[in-house]
Amino acid sequence: MSTRIERLRAALETALHPTLLEIRDDSAKHEGHAGAREGGHFHVVIASAGFAGVPALERHRMVYAAAAELMGRDIHALSIDARSP
């Protein structure tokens, strides 16, 4: 597992206490893309009790807030599938 994935996993687990967390590194699909130099491209599937009753847009905001320190450095792009358990 890459260090970037480990940092992302730790940030999401600490902030959101997920019951499901899958992280896929899609960076290889974006080689040569200018933004790829600023960090990786990741897809996250996450379920958390904290998402119950929360609209999808707010769930995404919660994920971005949890990963904020990694954005632009370790993460260039983040695709999110946020679910309530």
PDB file of N, CA and C in Angstrom:
ATOM      1  N   MET A   1       0.851  -1.178   0.000  1.00  0.00           N
ATOM      2  CA  MET A   1       0.000   0.000   0.000  1.00  0.00           C
ATOM      3  C   MET A   1       0.896   1.241   0.000  1.00  0.00           C
ATOM      4  N   SER A   2       0.527   2.216  -0.801  1.00  0.00           N
ATOM      5  CA  SER A   2       1.345   3.413  -0.896  1.00  0.00           C
ATOM      6  C   SER A   2       1.202   4.275   0.354  1.00  0.00           C
ATOM      7  N   THR A   3       2.211   5.095   0.576  1.00  0.00           N
ATOM      8  CA  THR A   3       2.197   6.008   1.715  1.00  0.00           C
ATOM      9  C   THR A   3       1.042   6.994   1.593  1.00  0.00           C
ATOM     10  N   ARG A   4       0.751   7.439   0.380  1.00  0.00           N
ATOM     11  CA  ARG A   4      -0.372   8.362   0.179  1.00  0.00           C
ATOM     12  C   ARG A   4      -1.688   7.718   0.607  1.00  0.00           C
ATOM     13  N   ILE A   5      -1.887   6.473   0.224  1.00  0.00           N
ATOM     14  CA  ILE A   5      -3.112   5.770   0.606  1.00  0.00           C
ATOM     15  C   ILE A   5      -3.165   5.602   2.116  1.00  0.00           C
ATOM     16  N   GLU A   6      -2.053   5.280   2.722  1.00  0.00           N
ATOM     17  CA  GLU A   6      -2.015   5.121   4.178  1.00  0.00           C
ATOM     18  C   GLU A   6      -2.393   6.423   4.875  1.00  0.00           C
ATOM     19  N   ARG A   7      -1.874   7.553   4.389  1.00  0.00           N
ATOM     20  CA  ARG A   7      -2.208   8.851   4.992  1.00  0.00           C
ATOM     21  C   ARG A   7      -3.677   9.192   4.786  1.00  0.00           C
ATOM     22  N   LEU A   8      -4.192   8.917   3.589  1.00  0.00           N
ATOM     23  CA  LEU A   8      -5.606   9.175   3.320  1.00  0.00           C
ATOM     24  C   LEU A   8      -6.476   8.286   4.193  1.00  0.00           C
ATOM     25  N   ARG A   9      -6.127   7.020   4.287  1.00  0.00           N
ATOM     26  CA  ARG A   9      -6.899   6.093   5.123  1.00  0.00           C
ATOM     27  C   ARG A   9      -6.918   6.562   6.578  1.00  0.00           C
ATOM     28  N   ALA A  10      -5.771   6.957   7.101  1.00  0.00           N
ATOM     29  CA  ALA A  10      -5.686   7.416   8.494  1.00  0.00           C
ATOM     30  C   ALA A  10      -6.545   8.660   8.712  1.00  0.00           C
ATOM     31  N   ALA A  11      -6.494   9.607   7.777  1.00  0.00           N
ATOM     32  CA  ALA A  11      -7.267  10.837   7.917  1.00  0.00           C
ATOM     33  C   ALA A  11      -8.769  10.545   7.921  1.00  0.00           C
ATOM     34  N   LEU A  12      -9.209   9.681   7.011  1.00  0.00           N
ATOM     35  CA  LEU A  12     -10.634   9.365   6.928  1.00  0.00           C
ATOM     36  C   LEU A  12     -11.105   8.551   8.122  1.00  0.00           C
ATOM     37  N   GLU A  13     -10.288   7.606   8.573  1.00  0.00           N
ATOM     38  CA  GLU A  13     -10.668   6.794   9.737  1.00  0.00           C
ATOM     39  C   GLU A  13     -10.758   7.654  10.996  1.00  0.00           C
ATOM     40  N   THR A  14      -9.823   8.562  11.169  1.00  0.00           N
ATOM     41  CA  THR A  14      -9.818   9.421  12.354  1.00  0.00           C
ATOM     42  C   THR A  14     -11.033  10.342  12.383  1.00  0.00           C
ATOM     43  N   ALA A  15     -11.348  10.944  11.261  1.00  0.00           N
ATOM     44  CA  ALA A  15     -12.418  11.939  11.222  1.00  0.00           C
ATOM     45  C   ALA A  15     -13.816  11.344  11.100  1.00  0.00           C
ATOM     46  N   LEU A  16     -13.953  10.240  10.361  1.00  0.00           N
ATOM     47  CA  LEU A  16     -15.289   9.765   9.999  1.00  0.00           C
ATOM     48  C   LEU A  16     -15.651   8.387  10.544  1.00  0.00           C
ATOM     49  N   HIS A  17     -14.716   7.666  11.114  1.00  0.00           N
ATOM     50  CA  HIS A  17     -14.964   6.343  11.708  1.00  0.00           C
ATOM     51  C   HIS A  17     -15.800   5.460  10.782  1.00  0.00           C
ATOM     52  N   PRO A  18     -15.291   5.194   9.590  1.00  0.00           N
ATOM     53  CA  PRO A  18     -16.085   4.461   8.598  1.00  0.00           C
ATOM     54  C   PRO A  18     -16.307   2.991   8.965  1.00  0.00           C
ATOM     55  N   THR A  19     -17.454   2.482   8.515  1.00  0.00           N
ATOM     56  CA  THR A  19     -17.739   1.050   8.634  1.00  0.00           C
ATOM     57  C   THR A  19     -17.285   0.332   7.365  1.00  0.00           C
ATOM     58  N   LEU A  20     -17.066   1.105   6.304  1.00  0.00           N
ATOM     59  CA  LEU A  20     -16.552   0.604   5.034  1.00  0.00           C
ATOM     60  C   LEU A  20     -15.610   1.664   4.488  1.00  0.00           C
ATOM     61  N   LEU A  21     -14.427   1.257   4.076  1.00  0.00           N
ATOM     62  CA  LEU A  21     -13.488   2.193   3.469  1.00  0.00           C
ATOM     63  C   LEU A  21     -12.650   1.453   2.444  1.00  0.00           C
ATOM     64  N   GLU A  22     -12.842   1.812   1.187  1.00  0.00           N
ATOM     65  CA  GLU A  22     -12.053   1.261   0.092  1.00  0.00           C
ATOM     66  C   GLU A  22     -11.406   2.430  -0.631  1.00  0.00           C
ATOM     67  N   ILE A  23     -10.117   2.342  -0.866  1.00  0.00           N
ATOM     68  CA  ILE A  23      -9.392   3.400  -1.555  1.00  0.00           C
ATOM     69  C   ILE A  23      -8.658   2.782  -2.731  1.00  0.00           C
ATOM     70  N   ARG A  24      -8.902   3.336  -3.899  1.00  0.00           N
ATOM     71  CA  ARG A  24      -8.249   2.858  -5.123  1.00  0.00           C
ATOM     72  C   ARG A  24      -7.367   3.985  -5.665  1.00  0.00           C
ATOM     73  N   ASP A  25      -6.141   3.650  -5.990  1.00  0.00           N
ATOM     74  CA  ASP A  25      -5.205   4.612  -6.570  1.00  0.00           C
ATOM     75  C   ASP A  25      -5.329   4.543  -8.090  1.00  0.00           C
ATOM     76  N   ASP A  26      -5.849   5.607  -8.687  1.00  0.00           N
ATOM     77  CA  ASP A  26      -6.015   5.676 -10.131  1.00  0.00           C
ATOM     78  C   ASP A  26      -4.934   6.536 -10.789  1.00  0.00           C
ATOM     79  N   SER A  27      -3.871   6.824 -10.077  1.00  0.00           N
ATOM     80  CA  SER A  27      -2.831   7.733 -10.569  1.00  0.00           C
ATOM     81  C   SER A  27      -2.215   7.278 -11.883  1.00  0.00           C
ATOM     82  N   ALA A  28      -2.031   5.988 -12.056  1.00  0.00           N
ATOM     83  CA  ALA A  28      -1.394   5.479 -13.280  1.00  0.00           C
ATOM     84  C   ALA A  28      -2.209   5.828 -14.523  1.00  0.00           C
ATOM     85  N   LYS A  29      -3.524   5.983 -14.366  1.00  0.00           N
ATOM     86  CA  LYS A  29      -4.381   6.336 -15.492  1.00  0.00           C
ATOM     87  C   LYS A  29      -4.173   7.783 -15.934  1.00  0.00           C
ATOM     88  N   HIS A  30      -3.499   8.569 -15.102  1.00  0.00           N
ATOM     89  CA  HIS A  30      -3.362   9.999 -15.358  1.00  0.00           C
ATOM     90  C   HIS A  30      -1.910  10.427 -15.564  1.00  0.00           C
ATOM     91  N   GLU A  31      -1.030   9.478 -15.852  1.00  0.00           N
ATOM     92  CA  GLU A  31       0.374   9.822 -16.086  1.00  0.00           C
ATOM     93  C   GLU A  31       0.475  10.811 -17.230  1.00  0.00           C
ATOM     94  N   GLY A  32       1.321  11.800 -17.059  1.00  0.00           N
ATOM     95  CA  GLY A  32       1.498  12.823 -18.073  1.00  0.00           C
ATOM     96  C   GLY A  32       0.559  14.001 -17.909  1.00  0.00           C
ATOM     97  N   HIS A  33      -0.475  13.837 -17.107  1.00  0.00           N
ATOM     98  CA  HIS A  33      -1.418  14.919 -16.812  1.00  0.00           C
ATOM     99  C   HIS A  33      -0.706  15.926 -15.924  1.00  0.00           C
ATOM    100  N   ALA A  34      -0.798  17.196 -16.245  1.00  0.00           N
ATOM    101  CA  ALA A  34      -0.057  18.235 -15.513  1.00  0.00           C
ATOM    102  C   ALA A  34      -0.308  18.176 -14.010  1.00  0.00           C
ATOM    103  N   GLY A  35      -1.536  17.971 -13.595  1.00  0.00           N
ATOM    104  CA  GLY A  35      -1.859  17.949 -12.174  1.00  0.00           C
ATOM    105  C   GLY A  35      -1.333  16.741 -11.435  1.00  0.00           C
ATOM    106  N   ALA A  36      -0.957  15.706 -12.163  1.00  0.00           N
ATOM    107  CA  ALA A  36      -0.482  14.482 -11.523  1.00  0.00           C
ATOM    108  C   ALA A  36       0.796  14.727 -10.718  1.00  0.00           C
ATOM    109  N   ARG A  37       1.501  15.796 -11.037  1.00  0.00           N
ATOM    110  CA  ARG A  37       2.729  16.091 -10.290  1.00  0.00           C
ATOM    111  C   ARG A  37       2.435  16.610  -8.883  1.00  0.00           C
ATOM    112  N   GLU A  38       1.232  17.164  -8.668  1.00  0.00           N
ATOM    113  CA  GLU A  38       0.880  17.710  -7.362  1.00  0.00           C
ATOM    114  C   GLU A  38       0.268  16.671  -6.434  1.00  0.00           C
ATOM    115  N   GLY A  39       0.125  15.450  -6.876  1.00  0.00           N
ATOM    116  CA  GLY A  39      -0.459  14.412  -6.036  1.00  0.00           C
ATOM    117  C   GLY A  39      -1.166  13.373  -6.873  1.00  0.00           C
ATOM    118  N   GLY A  40      -1.664  12.359  -6.205  1.00  0.00           N
ATOM    119  CA  GLY A  40      -2.288  11.247  -6.891  1.00  0.00           C
ATOM    120  C   GLY A  40      -3.770  11.443  -7.148  1.00  0.00           C
ATOM    121  N   HIS A  41      -4.323  10.548  -7.935  1.00  0.00           N
ATOM    122  CA  HIS A  41      -5.745  10.498  -8.240  1.00  0.00           C
ATOM    123  C   HIS A  41      -6.307   9.280  -7.510  1.00  0.00           C
ATOM    124  N   PHE A  42      -7.314   9.483  -6.685  1.00  0.00           N
ATOM    125  CA  PHE A  42      -7.853   8.406  -5.865  1.00  0.00           C
ATOM    126  C   PHE A  42      -9.370   8.332  -5.967  1.00  0.00           C
ATOM    127  N   HIS A  43      -9.884   7.114  -5.786  1.00  0.00           N
ATOM    128  CA  HIS A  43     -11.324   6.878  -5.698  1.00  0.00           C
ATOM    129  C   HIS A  43     -11.581   6.279  -4.324  1.00  0.00           C
ATOM    130  N   VAL A  44     -12.541   6.848  -3.605  1.00  0.00           N
ATOM    131  CA  VAL A  44     -12.864   6.400  -2.250  1.00  0.00           C
ATOM    132  C   VAL A  44     -14.319   5.949  -2.198  1.00  0.00           C
ATOM    133  N   VAL A  45     -14.537   4.766  -1.645  1.00  0.00           N
ATOM    134  CA  VAL A  45     -15.875   4.303  -1.291  1.00  0.00           C
ATOM    135  C   VAL A  45     -15.871   4.268   0.227  1.00  0.00           C
ATOM    136  N   ILE A  46     -16.782   5.030   0.835  1.00  0.00           N
ATOM    137  CA  ILE A  46     -16.784   5.145   2.281  1.00  0.00           C
ATOM    138  C   ILE A  46     -18.218   5.131   2.806  1.00  0.00           C
ATOM    139  N   ALA A  47     -18.426   4.403   3.885  1.00  0.00           N
ATOM    140  CA  ALA A  47     -19.711   4.394   4.586  1.00  0.00           C
ATOM    141  C   ALA A  47     -19.424   4.744   6.036  1.00  0.00           C
ATOM    142  N   SER A  48     -20.271   5.600   6.584  1.00  0.00           N
ATOM    143  CA  SER A  48     -20.086   6.024   7.967  1.00  0.00           C
ATOM    144  C   SER A  48     -21.445   6.331   8.590  1.00  0.00           C
ATOM    145  N   ALA A  49     -21.604   5.992   9.851  1.00  0.00           N
ATOM    146  CA  ALA A  49     -22.843   6.316  10.556  1.00  0.00           C
ATOM    147  C   ALA A  49     -23.052   7.831  10.577  1.00  0.00           C
ATOM    148  N   GLY A  50     -21.971   8.579  10.518  1.00  0.00           N
ATOM    149  CA  GLY A  50     -22.061  10.038  10.501  1.00  0.00           C
ATOM    150  C   GLY A  50     -22.712  10.585   9.243  1.00  0.00           C
ATOM    151  N   PHE A  51     -22.882   9.762   8.220  1.00  0.00           N
ATOM    152  CA  PHE A  51     -23.515  10.188   6.980  1.00  0.00           C
ATOM    153  C   PHE A  51     -25.034  10.005   7.009  1.00  0.00           C
ATOM    154  N   ALA A  52     -25.557   9.325   8.014  1.00  0.00           N
ATOM    155  CA  ALA A  52     -26.994   9.044   8.081  1.00  0.00           C
ATOM    156  C   ALA A  52     -27.789  10.347   8.072  1.00  0.00           C
ATOM    157  N   GLY A  53     -28.720  10.443   7.138  1.00  0.00           N
ATOM    158  CA  GLY A  53     -29.574  11.613   7.041  1.00  0.00           C
ATOM    159  C   GLY A  53     -28.898  12.844   6.455  1.00  0.00           C
ATOM    160  N   VAL A  54     -27.653  12.691   5.997  1.00  0.00           N
ATOM    161  CA  VAL A  54     -26.883  13.812   5.449  1.00  0.00           C
ATOM    162  C   VAL A  54     -26.936  13.747   3.923  1.00  0.00           C
ATOM    163  N   PRO A  55     -27.268  14.854   3.259  1.00  0.00           N
ATOM    164  CA  PRO A  55     -27.302  14.854   1.794  1.00  0.00           C
ATOM    165  C   PRO A  55     -25.927  14.532   1.190  1.00  0.00           C
ATOM    166  N   ALA A  56     -25.937  14.031  -0.033  1.00  0.00           N
ATOM    167  CA  ALA A  56     -24.708  13.605  -0.699  1.00  0.00           C
ATOM    168  C   ALA A  56     -23.661  14.718  -0.768  1.00  0.00           C
ATOM    169  N   LEU A  57     -24.064  15.932  -1.090  1.00  0.00           N
ATOM    170  CA  LEU A  57     -23.110  17.036  -1.184  1.00  0.00           C
ATOM    171  C   LEU A  57     -22.408  17.273   0.143  1.00  0.00           C
ATOM    172  N   GLU A  58     -23.150  17.219   1.227  1.00  0.00           N
ATOM    173  CA  GLU A  58     -22.538  17.428   2.550  1.00  0.00           C
ATOM    174  C   GLU A  58     -21.616  16.259   2.920  1.00  0.00           C
ATOM    175  N   ARG A  59     -21.961  15.051   2.509  1.00  0.00           N
ATOM    176  CA  ARG A  59     -21.082  13.896   2.749  1.00  0.00           C
ATOM    177  C   ARG A  59     -19.738  14.119   2.067  1.00  0.00           C
ATOM    178  N   HIS A  60     -19.791  14.597   0.825  1.00  0.00           N
ATOM    179  CA  HIS A  60     -18.553  14.880   0.087  1.00  0.00           C
ATOM    180  C   HIS A  60     -17.753  15.965   0.791  1.00  0.00           C
ATOM    181  N   ARG A  61     -18.433  16.981   1.278  1.00  0.00           N
ATOM    182  CA  ARG A  61     -17.734  18.041   2.019  1.00  0.00           C
ATOM    183  C   ARG A  61     -17.052  17.487   3.263  1.00  0.00           C
ATOM    184  N   MET A  62     -17.700  16.547   3.924  1.00  0.00           N
ATOM    185  CA  MET A  62     -17.114  15.927   5.114  1.00  0.00           C
ATOM    186  C   MET A  62     -15.841  15.155   4.763  1.00  0.00           C
ATOM    187  N   VAL A  63     -15.880  14.440   3.638  1.00  0.00           N
ATOM    188  CA  VAL A  63     -14.705  13.683   3.190  1.00  0.00           C
ATOM    189  C   VAL A  63     -13.579  14.643   2.820  1.00  0.00           C
ATOM    190  N   TYR A  64     -13.906  15.688   2.062  1.00  0.00           N
ATOM    191  CA  TYR A  64     -12.882  16.680   1.684  1.00  0.00           C
ATOM    192  C   TYR A  64     -12.297  17.365   2.919  1.00  0.00           C
ATOM    193  N   ALA A  65     -13.115  17.659   3.904  1.00  0.00           N
ATOM    194  CA  ALA A  65     -12.614  18.280   5.133  1.00  0.00           C
ATOM    195  C   ALA A  65     -11.646  17.344   5.856  1.00  0.00           C
ATOM    196  N   ALA A  66     -11.976  16.059   5.884  1.00  0.00           N
ATOM    197  CA  ALA A  66     -11.102  15.082   6.546  1.00  0.00           C
ATOM    198  C   ALA A  66      -9.766  14.947   5.825  1.00  0.00           C
ATOM    199  N   ALA A  67      -9.780  15.118   4.504  1.00  0.00           N
ATOM    200  CA  ALA A  67      -8.567  14.949   3.696  1.00  0.00           C
ATOM    201  C   ALA A  67      -7.884  16.276   3.370  1.00  0.00           C
ATOM    202  N   ALA A  68      -8.346  17.360   3.947  1.00  0.00           N
ATOM    203  CA  ALA A  68      -7.886  18.707   3.577  1.00  0.00           C
ATOM    204  C   ALA A  68      -6.367  18.869   3.603  1.00  0.00           C
ATOM    205  N   GLU A  69      -5.708  18.332   4.608  1.00  0.00           N
ATOM    206  CA  GLU A  69      -4.253  18.495   4.712  1.00  0.00           C
ATOM    207  C   GLU A  69      -3.495  17.784   3.594  1.00  0.00           C
ATOM    208  N   LEU A  70      -4.133  16.819   2.961  1.00  0.00           N
ATOM    209  CA  LEU A  70      -3.486  16.033   1.913  1.00  0.00           C
ATOM    210  C   LEU A  70      -3.740  16.583   0.511  1.00  0.00           C
ATOM    211  N   MET A  71      -4.751  17.427   0.385  1.00  0.00           N
ATOM    212  CA  MET A  71      -5.125  17.954  -0.926  1.00  0.00           C
ATOM    213  C   MET A  71      -4.026  18.867  -1.467  1.00  0.00           C
ATOM    214  N   GLY A  72      -3.697  18.667  -2.746  1.00  0.00           N
ATOM    215  CA  GLY A  72      -2.686  19.479  -3.400  1.00  0.00           C
ATOM    216  C   GLY A  72      -1.262  19.020  -3.155  1.00  0.00           C
ATOM    217  N   ARG A  73      -1.081  18.160  -2.174  1.00  0.00           N
ATOM    218  CA  ARG A  73       0.250  17.635  -1.876  1.00  0.00           C
ATOM    219  C   ARG A  73       0.274  16.145  -2.181  1.00  0.00           C
ATOM    220  N   ASP A  74      -0.546  15.389  -1.497  1.00  0.00           N
ATOM    221  CA  ASP A  74      -0.634  13.942  -1.726  1.00  0.00           C
ATOM    222  C   ASP A  74      -1.782  13.586  -2.663  1.00  0.00           C
ATOM    223  N   ILE A  75      -2.784  14.454  -2.723  1.00  0.00           N
ATOM    224  CA  ILE A  75      -3.976  14.179  -3.526  1.00  0.00           C
ATOM    225  C   ILE A  75      -4.202  15.332  -4.497  1.00  0.00           C
ATOM    226  N   HIS A  76      -4.296  14.985  -5.776  1.00  0.00           N
ATOM    227  CA  HIS A  76      -4.653  15.979  -6.794  1.00  0.00           C
ATOM    228  C   HIS A  76      -6.145  15.883  -7.106  1.00  0.00           C
ATOM    229  N   ALA A  77      -6.650  14.651  -7.184  1.00  0.00           N
ATOM    230  CA  ALA A  77      -8.054  14.434  -7.518  1.00  0.00           C
ATOM    231  C   ALA A  77      -8.628  13.325  -6.629  1.00  0.00           C
ATOM    232  N   LEU A  78      -9.868  13.542  -6.189  1.00  0.00           N
ATOM    233  CA  LEU A  78     -10.500  12.593  -5.294  1.00  0.00           C
ATOM    234  C   LEU A  78     -11.932  12.361  -5.760  1.00  0.00           C
ATOM    235  N   SER A  79     -12.211  11.133  -6.157  1.00  0.00           N
ATOM    236  CA  SER A  79     -13.558  10.720  -6.541  1.00  0.00           C
ATOM    237  C   SER A  79     -14.164  10.042  -5.325  1.00  0.00           C
ATOM    238  N   ILE A  80     -15.401  10.408  -4.987  1.00  0.00           N
ATOM    239  CA  ILE A  80     -15.987   9.951  -3.723  1.00  0.00           C
ATOM    240  C   ILE A  80     -17.338   9.273  -3.947  1.00  0.00           C
ATOM    241  N   ASP A  81     -17.506   8.113  -3.331  1.00  0.00           N
ATOM    242  CA  ASP A  81     -18.795   7.426  -3.228  1.00  0.00           C
ATOM    243  C   ASP A  81     -19.040   7.299  -1.721  1.00  0.00           C
ATOM    244  N   ALA A  82     -19.814   8.239  -1.161  1.00  0.00           N
ATOM    245  CA  ALA A  82     -20.052   8.295   0.289  1.00  0.00           C
ATOM    246  C   ALA A  82     -21.460   7.780   0.593  1.00  0.00           C
ATOM    247  N   ARG A  83     -21.533   6.776   1.455  1.00  0.00           N
ATOM    248  CA  ARG A  83     -22.803   6.110   1.756  1.00  0.00           C
ATOM    249  C   ARG A  83     -23.041   6.073   3.257  1.00  0.00           C
ATOM    250  N   SER A  84     -24.327   5.992   3.622  1.00  0.00           N
ATOM    251  CA  SER A  84     -24.629   5.704   5.025  1.00  0.00           C
ATOM    252  C   SER A  84     -24.705   4.180   5.134  1.00  0.00           C
ATOM    253  N   PRO A  85     -24.343   3.647   6.290  1.00  0.00           N
ATOM    254  CA  PRO A  85     -24.323   2.180   6.425  1.00  0.00           C
ATOM    255  C   PRO A  85     -25.708   1.562   6.349  1.00  0.00           C
TER     256      PRO A  85
END
